[in-house]
Amino acid sequence: MAEQRHQDWDPRAKDVQQNQIRAYDDMRQTCPVAWSDYQQWTLFRHADVMRVLEDHDTFSNAVSAHLSVPNGMDPPEHTPYRKTIEPYFAPEPMARFEPQCRDVARRLVNDLQKNQPVDVVNALSRPFALKIQCAFMGWPDSLHQPLAEWVMKNHRATLAADRAAMAEVAEEFDGYIRDLLDSRRQAGEQAPDDVTTQLMQEQVNGTPMTDGELVSLLRNWTVGELATISASISILTNYLAHYPALLNDLKAAPEQLSDAIDEILRMDAPLISNRRITTRDVEIGGRHIPAGEKITLLWASANRDEDTFGDPDNFCPHQNAPKNLLYGAGIHICPGAPLARLELRIFMEELLKQITGIEVVGSDAPQRAMFPTGGFNYLPLQFLGSDPKTF
């Protein structure tokens, strides 16, 4: 950067991290296009975020110095990779996966201790995210524990902004992926016919993907899935604990779950932000942003913009759905959205079948996750229902 700039805010300040939602609500009113050394430019308003999403020529996705397939690519490079992966989330494969997804969810809820305080993060959200991702990818159960430990190491490294540790955990994860690829090659025709094996057989522009591309693609899928699905489960259960009437409505009409889930996650984002980089000088919200600078799109703020949604905390699924940026918008809208929606709907269906309510536990305070993660790191709740193990 050629010049020293005045910091408009500190995204890592204690008061921001303690309540990201309220901090972002405040910034949206007082400084909707803000500079910080940590994030460079941050956009808080829905209209500004939409402008970026709809102009991929000016706002490039090629932010990372590392290969990122396809998240960190722009057209025309991005297009063939996107076309390759979209069929994996089409209605037919989603329908095939649904019974397995339901089995994972049901088993986890069956094992949930009812009528006593539990930490939702350790008991439900993280285990479900791990098990369901491994199930979808066709990965062995033996990966559950290493990946669970990896998630915690990655979280600590990210929180500490320790670049050396972050590089080390990234290399560790890539090692898991390379081992999976090697084992399938060694198995030859005996390799399991799963998503991972199928991806290894895909071609982009007439050429098989390299191991580097496969590792990047699978890393992006998995890291994103583990973080957002886990955060979503904690957000959803916390919300229903505070709104028991809605919980009862959804128990009575589970067909409304999909819309309700999207709306709850609009108000309380599981994925806080994404990044872009400017390809030319541009003005947004009265601020001049030079070419080559990073922009943080703050989903957690844009999806609560009063100019778009009115009172951001009003639960209005059908009214708010057309503007909801839970899965992004434009050419980079999340390709895995059908899978995430399926997993969350099935999980909540199975949970609501087995409980009569959720209560907030008064003694221990929940611990919110810190940027760049949404949801909770610790969430004590009590799930009400008949559980033979407690009698």
Protein backbone atom coordinates (compact mmCIF):
# COMPACT_ATOMS: atom_id res chain seq x y z
CA MET A 1 0.00 0.00 0.00
CA ALA A 2 1.32 3.36 -0.99
CA GLU A 3 -0.22 5.35 1.83
CA GLN A 4 -0.90 5.10 5.53
CA ARG A 5 -4.62 5.21 6.22
CA HIS A 6 -6.68 6.02 9.25
CA GLN A 7 -8.38 2.95 10.71
CA ASP A 8 -12.17 3.32 10.66
CA TRP A 9 -12.57 0.32 12.96
CA ASP A 10 -10.79 -2.71 14.38
CA PRO A 11 -12.52 -5.97 13.35
CA ARG A 12 -10.56 -7.86 16.01
CA ALA A 13 -11.37 -5.51 18.91
CA LYS A 14 -12.74 -7.25 21.99
CA ASP A 15 -16.10 -5.48 21.86
CA VAL A 16 -16.54 -6.44 18.20
CA GLN A 17 -15.70 -10.08 18.82
CA GLN A 18 -17.94 -10.31 21.87
CA ASN A 19 -20.98 -9.41 19.78
CA GLN A 20 -20.22 -9.41 16.07
CA ILE A 21 -23.87 -8.97 15.06
CA ARG A 22 -24.40 -5.77 17.07
CA ALA A 23 -21.00 -4.38 16.11
CA TYR A 24 -21.76 -4.84 12.42
CA ASP A 25 -25.24 -3.35 12.86
CA ASP A 26 -23.59 -0.26 14.35
CA MET A 27 -20.98 0.01 11.60
CA ARG A 28 -23.64 -0.26 8.92
CA GLN A 29 -25.18 2.93 10.33
CA THR A 30 -22.03 4.90 11.09
CA CYS A 31 -19.40 3.81 8.53
CA PRO A 32 -20.82 1.42 5.93
CA VAL A 33 -17.61 1.35 3.85
CA ALA A 34 -14.77 1.05 6.33
CA TRP A 35 -11.00 0.70 6.24
CA SER A 36 -8.92 -1.43 8.61
CA ASP A 37 -5.41 -2.81 8.45
CA TYR A 38 -6.79 -6.30 9.08
CA GLN A 39 -9.54 -6.50 6.43
CA GLN A 40 -8.62 -3.53 4.20
CA TRP A 41 -12.04 -2.41 2.88
CA THR A 42 -15.19 -3.83 4.48
CA LEU A 43 -18.66 -3.40 2.97
CA PHE A 44 -21.58 -3.53 5.40
CA ARG A 45 -24.58 -2.61 3.22
CA HIS A 46 -26.63 -5.02 1.14
CA ALA A 47 -26.68 -2.77 -1.93
CA ASP A 48 -22.88 -2.35 -1.91
CA VAL A 49 -22.33 -6.09 -1.51
CA MET A 50 -24.74 -6.81 -4.37
CA ARG A 51 -22.90 -4.33 -6.57
CA VAL A 52 -19.68 -6.29 -6.02
CA LEU A 53 -21.33 -9.67 -6.59
CA GLU A 54 -22.82 -8.54 -9.89
CA ASP A 55 -19.62 -6.99 -11.28
CA HIS A 56 -17.00 -9.74 -11.32
CA ASP A 57 -14.94 -7.84 -13.89
CA THR A 58 -14.24 -5.05 -11.41
CA PHE A 59 -14.23 -7.17 -8.26
CA SER A 60 -12.12 -10.27 -8.78
CA ASN A 61 -12.27 -13.51 -6.79
CA ALA A 62 -8.55 -14.14 -7.34
CA VAL A 63 -7.63 -12.93 -3.86
CA SER A 64 -5.49 -15.79 -2.55
CA ALA A 65 -1.86 -16.26 -3.49
CA HIS A 66 -2.55 -20.02 -3.43
CA LEU A 67 -4.52 -22.13 -5.91
CA SER A 68 -8.21 -22.03 -4.97
CA VAL A 69 -10.54 -24.15 -7.12
CA PRO A 70 -12.98 -22.74 -8.10
CA ASN A 71 -13.53 -20.13 -5.35
CA GLY A 72 -10.48 -18.07 -6.20
CA MET A 73 -11.02 -17.98 -9.97
CA ASP A 74 -12.68 -15.57 -12.40
CA PRO A 75 -14.27 -16.28 -15.80
CA PRO A 76 -13.31 -17.70 -18.18
CA GLU A 77 -11.04 -19.89 -15.99
CA HIS A 78 -13.76 -20.30 -13.35
CA THR A 79 -16.52 -21.46 -15.72
CA PRO A 80 -15.41 -25.00 -16.68
CA TYR A 81 -14.58 -25.91 -13.08
CA ARG A 82 -17.95 -24.66 -11.97
CA LYS A 83 -19.70 -26.68 -14.67
CA THR A 84 -17.77 -29.75 -13.53
CA ILE A 85 -18.87 -29.60 -9.90
CA GLU A 86 -22.46 -28.36 -10.20
CA PRO A 87 -23.88 -31.78 -11.23
CA TYR A 88 -22.77 -33.23 -7.87
CA PHE A 89 -25.40 -31.03 -6.19
CA ALA A 90 -28.22 -31.62 -8.68
CA PRO A 91 -31.60 -32.94 -7.48
CA GLU A 92 -30.89 -36.59 -8.35
CA PRO A 93 -27.64 -36.98 -6.34
CA MET A 94 -29.21 -35.04 -3.49
CA ALA A 95 -32.15 -37.48 -3.46
CA ARG A 96 -29.75 -40.43 -3.45
CA PHE A 97 -27.83 -38.99 -0.51
CA GLU A 98 -30.89 -38.14 1.58
CA PRO A 99 -31.35 -41.60 3.23
CA GLN A 100 -27.69 -41.70 4.29
CA CYS A 101 -27.91 -38.13 5.53
CA ARG A 102 -31.00 -39.00 7.56
CA ASP A 103 -29.31 -42.03 9.06
CA VAL A 104 -26.34 -39.93 10.23
CA ALA A 105 -28.64 -37.31 11.74
CA ARG A 106 -30.94 -39.85 13.41
CA ARG A 107 -28.08 -41.76 15.03
CA LEU A 108 -26.58 -38.57 16.42
CA VAL A 109 -29.90 -37.36 17.82
CA ASN A 110 -30.61 -40.83 19.26
CA ASP A 111 -27.37 -40.58 21.25
CA LEU A 112 -28.14 -37.06 22.48
CA GLN A 113 -28.66 -36.93 26.23
CA LYS A 114 -32.09 -35.44 26.83
CA ASN A 115 -33.36 -33.54 29.88
CA GLN A 116 -29.93 -32.41 31.02
CA PRO A 117 -27.50 -29.68 29.91
CA VAL A 118 -25.26 -30.51 26.96
CA ASP A 119 -22.81 -28.48 24.91
CA VAL A 120 -24.45 -28.35 21.49
CA VAL A 121 -21.13 -27.71 19.77
CA ASN A 122 -19.45 -30.89 21.03
CA ALA A 123 -22.57 -33.05 21.18
CA LEU A 124 -24.24 -32.11 17.88
CA SER A 125 -22.88 -29.44 15.60
CA ARG A 126 -19.24 -30.47 15.14
CA PRO A 127 -19.93 -34.23 15.08
CA PHE A 128 -22.72 -33.80 12.53
CA ALA A 129 -20.58 -31.60 10.27
CA LEU A 130 -17.72 -34.12 10.36
CA LYS A 131 -19.83 -37.23 9.89
CA ILE A 132 -21.99 -35.81 7.14
CA GLN A 133 -19.07 -34.44 5.13
CA CYS A 134 -17.22 -37.76 5.30
CA ALA A 135 -20.43 -39.57 4.33
CA PHE A 136 -20.99 -37.34 1.30
CA MET A 137 -17.40 -37.59 0.10
CA GLY A 138 -17.16 -41.34 0.74
CA TRP A 139 -14.40 -40.97 3.33
CA PRO A 140 -13.80 -43.61 6.02
CA ASP A 141 -14.99 -43.26 9.61
CA SER A 142 -11.34 -43.44 10.66
CA LEU A 143 -11.00 -39.84 9.45
CA HIS A 144 -13.56 -38.50 11.95
CA GLN A 145 -11.16 -38.14 14.87
CA PRO A 146 -8.17 -36.74 12.92
CA LEU A 147 -10.44 -34.23 11.20
CA ALA A 148 -12.03 -33.26 14.52
CA GLU A 149 -8.58 -32.58 15.96
CA TRP A 150 -7.59 -30.75 12.78
CA VAL A 151 -10.64 -28.46 13.05
CA MET A 152 -9.54 -27.41 16.54
CA LYS A 153 -5.93 -26.79 15.45
CA ASN A 154 -7.10 -24.77 12.48
CA HIS A 155 -9.40 -22.74 14.73
CA ARG A 156 -6.60 -21.94 17.18
CA ALA A 157 -4.17 -20.98 14.42
CA THR A 158 -6.74 -18.74 12.71
CA LEU A 159 -7.73 -17.09 15.98
CA ALA A 160 -4.08 -16.36 16.80
CA ALA A 161 -3.40 -15.14 13.23
CA ASP A 162 -0.35 -17.42 13.37
CA ARG A 163 0.65 -17.73 9.72
CA ALA A 164 3.22 -20.44 10.38
CA ALA A 165 0.68 -22.54 12.29
CA MET A 166 -1.96 -21.91 9.63
CA ALA A 167 0.42 -23.11 6.92
CA GLU A 168 1.23 -26.19 8.99
CA VAL A 169 -2.41 -27.17 9.51
CA ALA A 170 -3.16 -26.53 5.84
CA GLU A 171 -0.34 -28.89 4.88
CA GLU A 172 -1.67 -31.48 7.32
CA PHE A 173 -5.12 -31.33 5.73
CA ASP A 174 -3.67 -31.57 2.23
CA GLY A 175 -1.88 -34.71 3.39
CA TYR A 176 -5.19 -36.34 4.30
CA ILE A 177 -6.56 -35.53 0.84
CA ARG A 178 -3.48 -36.83 -0.98
CA ASP A 179 -3.67 -40.08 1.00
CA LEU A 180 -7.30 -40.51 -0.09
CA LEU A 181 -6.37 -39.91 -3.72
CA ASP A 182 -3.41 -42.33 -3.53
CA SER A 183 -5.49 -45.09 -1.92
CA ARG A 184 -8.06 -44.86 -4.70
CA ARG A 185 -5.41 -45.02 -7.40
CA GLN A 186 -3.89 -48.07 -5.77
CA ALA A 187 -7.31 -49.73 -5.59
CA GLY A 188 -7.85 -49.21 -9.31
CA GLU A 189 -11.17 -50.69 -10.41
CA GLN A 190 -11.85 -51.72 -6.79
CA ALA A 191 -11.92 -48.08 -5.66
CA PRO A 192 -15.24 -47.07 -4.11
CA ASP A 193 -17.67 -45.41 -6.50
CA ASP A 194 -18.07 -42.25 -4.43
CA VAL A 195 -17.85 -38.50 -4.95
CA THR A 196 -14.08 -38.43 -4.40
CA THR A 197 -13.41 -41.17 -6.96
CA GLN A 198 -15.80 -39.58 -9.44
CA LEU A 199 -14.05 -36.22 -9.14
CA MET A 200 -10.73 -37.90 -9.89
CA GLN A 201 -12.20 -39.03 -13.21
CA GLU A 202 -13.51 -35.61 -14.22
CA GLN A 203 -11.91 -33.59 -16.99
CA VAL A 204 -11.72 -29.82 -17.26
CA ASN A 205 -11.10 -28.44 -20.75
CA GLY A 206 -10.44 -32.02 -21.89
CA THR A 207 -7.73 -32.66 -19.29
CA PRO A 208 -7.95 -34.52 -15.95
CA MET A 209 -7.57 -32.29 -12.94
CA THR A 210 -4.12 -32.29 -11.37
CA ASP A 211 -3.62 -33.45 -7.80
CA GLY A 212 -3.07 -29.81 -6.88
CA GLU A 213 -6.45 -28.88 -8.32
CA LEU A 214 -8.19 -31.85 -6.68
CA VAL A 215 -6.63 -31.09 -3.31
CA SER A 216 -7.65 -27.43 -3.57
CA LEU A 217 -11.21 -28.31 -4.60
CA LEU A 218 -11.67 -30.90 -1.85
CA ARG A 219 -10.08 -28.59 0.73
CA ASN A 220 -12.46 -25.77 -0.15
CA TRP A 221 -15.48 -28.07 -0.03
CA THR A 222 -14.52 -29.66 3.25
CA VAL A 223 -13.23 -26.67 5.23
CA GLY A 224 -16.26 -24.63 4.20
CA GLU A 225 -18.65 -27.46 5.02
CA LEU A 226 -17.16 -28.26 8.43
CA ALA A 227 -17.27 -24.62 9.53
CA THR A 228 -20.64 -23.55 8.17
CA ILE A 229 -22.67 -26.67 8.93
CA SER A 230 -21.35 -26.76 12.48
CA ALA A 231 -22.04 -23.05 12.97
CA SER A 232 -25.52 -23.43 11.46
CA ILE A 233 -26.57 -26.22 13.84
CA SER A 234 -25.52 -24.16 16.85
CA ILE A 235 -27.30 -21.05 15.54
CA LEU A 236 -30.53 -22.93 14.76
CA THR A 237 -30.78 -24.71 18.11
CA ASN A 238 -29.96 -21.51 19.99
CA TYR A 239 -32.65 -19.58 18.09
CA LEU A 240 -35.33 -22.20 18.72
CA ALA A 241 -34.40 -22.29 22.40
CA HIS A 242 -35.31 -18.59 22.55
CA TYR A 243 -38.44 -18.91 20.38
CA PRO A 244 -40.33 -21.98 21.61
CA ALA A 245 -43.51 -21.02 19.73
CA LEU A 246 -41.61 -21.28 16.44
CA LEU A 247 -40.16 -24.63 17.52
CA ASN A 248 -43.71 -25.92 18.13
CA ASP A 249 -44.87 -24.54 14.78
CA LEU A 250 -42.05 -26.33 12.97
CA LYS A 251 -42.72 -29.58 14.80
CA ALA A 252 -46.32 -29.37 13.61
CA ALA A 253 -45.40 -28.30 10.06
CA PRO A 254 -41.90 -29.61 9.21
CA GLU A 255 -42.46 -28.69 5.55
CA GLN A 256 -41.76 -25.11 6.64
CA LEU A 257 -38.31 -25.98 7.94
CA SER A 258 -36.32 -25.13 4.83
CA ASP A 259 -37.61 -21.56 4.64
CA ALA A 260 -37.28 -21.10 8.39
CA ILE A 261 -33.67 -22.32 8.40
CA ASP A 262 -32.65 -19.88 5.66
CA GLU A 263 -34.32 -17.01 7.51
CA ILE A 264 -32.73 -17.81 10.89
CA LEU A 265 -29.34 -18.01 9.23
CA ARG A 266 -29.98 -14.69 7.50
CA MET A 267 -30.32 -13.03 10.88
CA ASP A 268 -27.35 -14.84 12.44
CA ALA A 269 -24.74 -15.71 9.82
CA PRO A 270 -22.83 -19.02 9.91
CA LEU A 271 -20.37 -17.64 7.34
CA ILE A 272 -19.31 -14.12 8.22
CA SER A 273 -17.62 -12.90 5.05
CA ASN A 274 -15.93 -13.45 1.70
CA ARG A 275 -13.27 -11.46 -0.09
CA ARG A 276 -12.71 -9.81 -3.45
CA ILE A 277 -9.94 -7.66 -4.96
CA THR A 278 -10.46 -4.60 -7.13
CA THR A 279 -9.19 -4.70 -10.71
CA ARG A 280 -9.53 -0.93 -11.20
CA ASP A 281 -10.10 2.22 -9.17
CA VAL A 282 -13.68 2.40 -7.95
CA GLU A 283 -15.88 4.51 -5.68
CA ILE A 284 -18.26 2.84 -3.22
CA GLY A 285 -20.31 4.69 -0.65
CA GLY A 286 -18.33 7.88 -1.22
CA ARG A 287 -15.00 6.13 -0.59
CA HIS A 288 -12.30 5.89 -3.25
CA ILE A 289 -10.86 2.37 -3.48
CA PRO A 290 -7.78 1.97 -5.68
CA ALA A 291 -7.14 -1.00 -7.94
CA GLY A 292 -5.49 -4.01 -6.33
CA GLU A 293 -7.07 -3.62 -2.86
CA LYS A 294 -8.92 -6.29 -0.94
CA ILE A 295 -12.59 -5.95 -0.10
CA THR A 296 -14.40 -7.92 2.60
CA LEU A 297 -18.05 -8.63 1.84
CA LEU A 298 -19.67 -8.88 5.25
CA TRP A 299 -22.60 -11.27 4.81
CA ALA A 300 -23.32 -10.99 8.53
CA SER A 301 -24.10 -7.30 8.03
CA ALA A 302 -25.55 -7.18 4.50
CA ASN A 303 -28.16 -9.79 5.43
CA ARG A 304 -29.34 -7.55 8.27
CA ASP A 305 -29.51 -4.29 6.32
CA GLU A 306 -32.57 -2.29 7.41
CA ASP A 307 -32.85 -0.68 3.96
CA THR A 308 -33.43 -4.15 2.51
CA PHE A 309 -35.11 -6.14 5.28
CA GLY A 310 -36.69 -3.55 7.57
CA ASP A 311 -36.22 -4.72 11.16
CA PRO A 312 -33.44 -7.30 10.62
CA ASP A 313 -34.63 -9.40 13.56
CA ASN A 314 -38.18 -9.83 12.25
CA PHE A 315 -38.75 -13.46 11.27
CA CYS A 316 -40.26 -13.13 7.76
CA PRO A 317 -39.03 -16.07 5.65
CA HIS A 318 -41.11 -15.55 2.51
CA GLN A 319 -40.71 -11.77 2.45
CA ASN A 320 -36.94 -11.88 2.93
CA ALA A 321 -36.01 -14.93 0.85
CA PRO A 322 -35.48 -13.10 -2.50
CA LYS A 323 -32.80 -10.83 -0.98
CA ASN A 324 -31.20 -13.37 1.37
CA LEU A 325 -27.45 -13.67 0.70
CA LEU A 326 -26.94 -16.76 2.87
CA TYR A 327 -25.41 -18.60 -0.08
CA GLY A 328 -24.20 -15.53 -1.95
CA ALA A 329 -25.39 -14.37 -5.37
CA GLY A 330 -24.15 -14.01 -8.92
CA ILE A 331 -21.78 -16.36 -10.72
CA HIS A 332 -20.08 -17.35 -7.46
CA ILE A 333 -23.25 -18.33 -5.60
CA CYS A 334 -22.41 -21.35 -3.47
CA PRO A 335 -22.65 -24.49 -5.66
CA GLY A 336 -23.06 -26.64 -2.55
CA ALA A 337 -26.17 -24.78 -1.34
CA PRO A 338 -28.51 -27.71 -2.23
CA LEU A 339 -26.37 -30.04 -0.13
CA ALA A 340 -26.20 -27.67 2.83
CA ARG A 341 -29.95 -27.09 2.70
CA LEU A 342 -30.59 -30.84 2.56
CA GLU A 343 -28.29 -31.57 5.49
CA LEU A 344 -29.69 -28.85 7.72
CA ARG A 345 -33.31 -29.69 6.91
CA ILE A 346 -32.81 -33.40 7.57
CA PHE A 347 -30.94 -32.76 10.81
CA MET A 348 -33.61 -30.41 12.13
CA GLU A 349 -36.39 -32.81 11.10
CA GLU A 350 -34.76 -35.62 13.05
CA LEU A 351 -34.07 -33.40 16.05
CA LEU A 352 -37.63 -32.05 16.24
CA LYS A 353 -39.06 -35.58 16.02
CA GLN A 354 -37.29 -36.56 19.22
CA ILE A 355 -37.64 -33.50 21.44
CA THR A 356 -40.49 -31.52 22.93
CA GLY A 357 -38.51 -28.35 23.49
CA ILE A 358 -35.12 -26.69 24.01
CA GLU A 359 -34.24 -24.72 27.12
CA VAL A 360 -31.50 -22.18 27.74
CA VAL A 361 -29.23 -23.29 30.58
CA GLY A 362 -28.85 -20.45 33.05
CA SER A 363 -25.56 -21.19 34.81
CA ASP A 364 -23.03 -21.21 31.94
CA ALA A 365 -22.83 -18.40 29.41
CA PRO A 366 -22.55 -19.40 25.73
CA GLN A 367 -19.33 -18.49 23.95
CA ARG A 368 -19.66 -16.99 20.52
CA ALA A 369 -17.23 -17.95 17.78
CA MET A 370 -14.83 -15.25 16.65
CA PHE A 371 -14.22 -13.84 13.20
CA PRO A 372 -14.04 -15.31 10.60
CA THR A 373 -16.41 -17.91 12.05
CA GLY A 374 -20.07 -17.56 12.97
CA GLY A 375 -22.11 -19.51 15.46
CA PHE A 376 -20.77 -20.70 18.79
CA ASN A 377 -17.69 -22.31 20.30
CA TYR A 378 -19.69 -23.36 23.36
CA LEU A 379 -23.46 -23.51 23.67
CA PRO A 380 -25.07 -25.13 26.72
CA LEU A 381 -28.70 -26.08 26.10
CA GLN A 382 -31.13 -28.65 27.43
CA PHE A 383 -33.16 -30.75 25.02
CA LEU A 384 -36.46 -31.89 26.47
CA GLY A 385 -37.83 -35.30 25.66
CA SER A 386 -38.15 -38.88 26.74
CA ASP A 387 -34.68 -40.42 27.00
CA PRO A 388 -34.48 -43.86 28.63
CA LYS A 389 -30.81 -43.30 29.47
CA THR A 390 -31.77 -40.55 31.95
CA PHE A 391 -34.16 -42.67 34.02
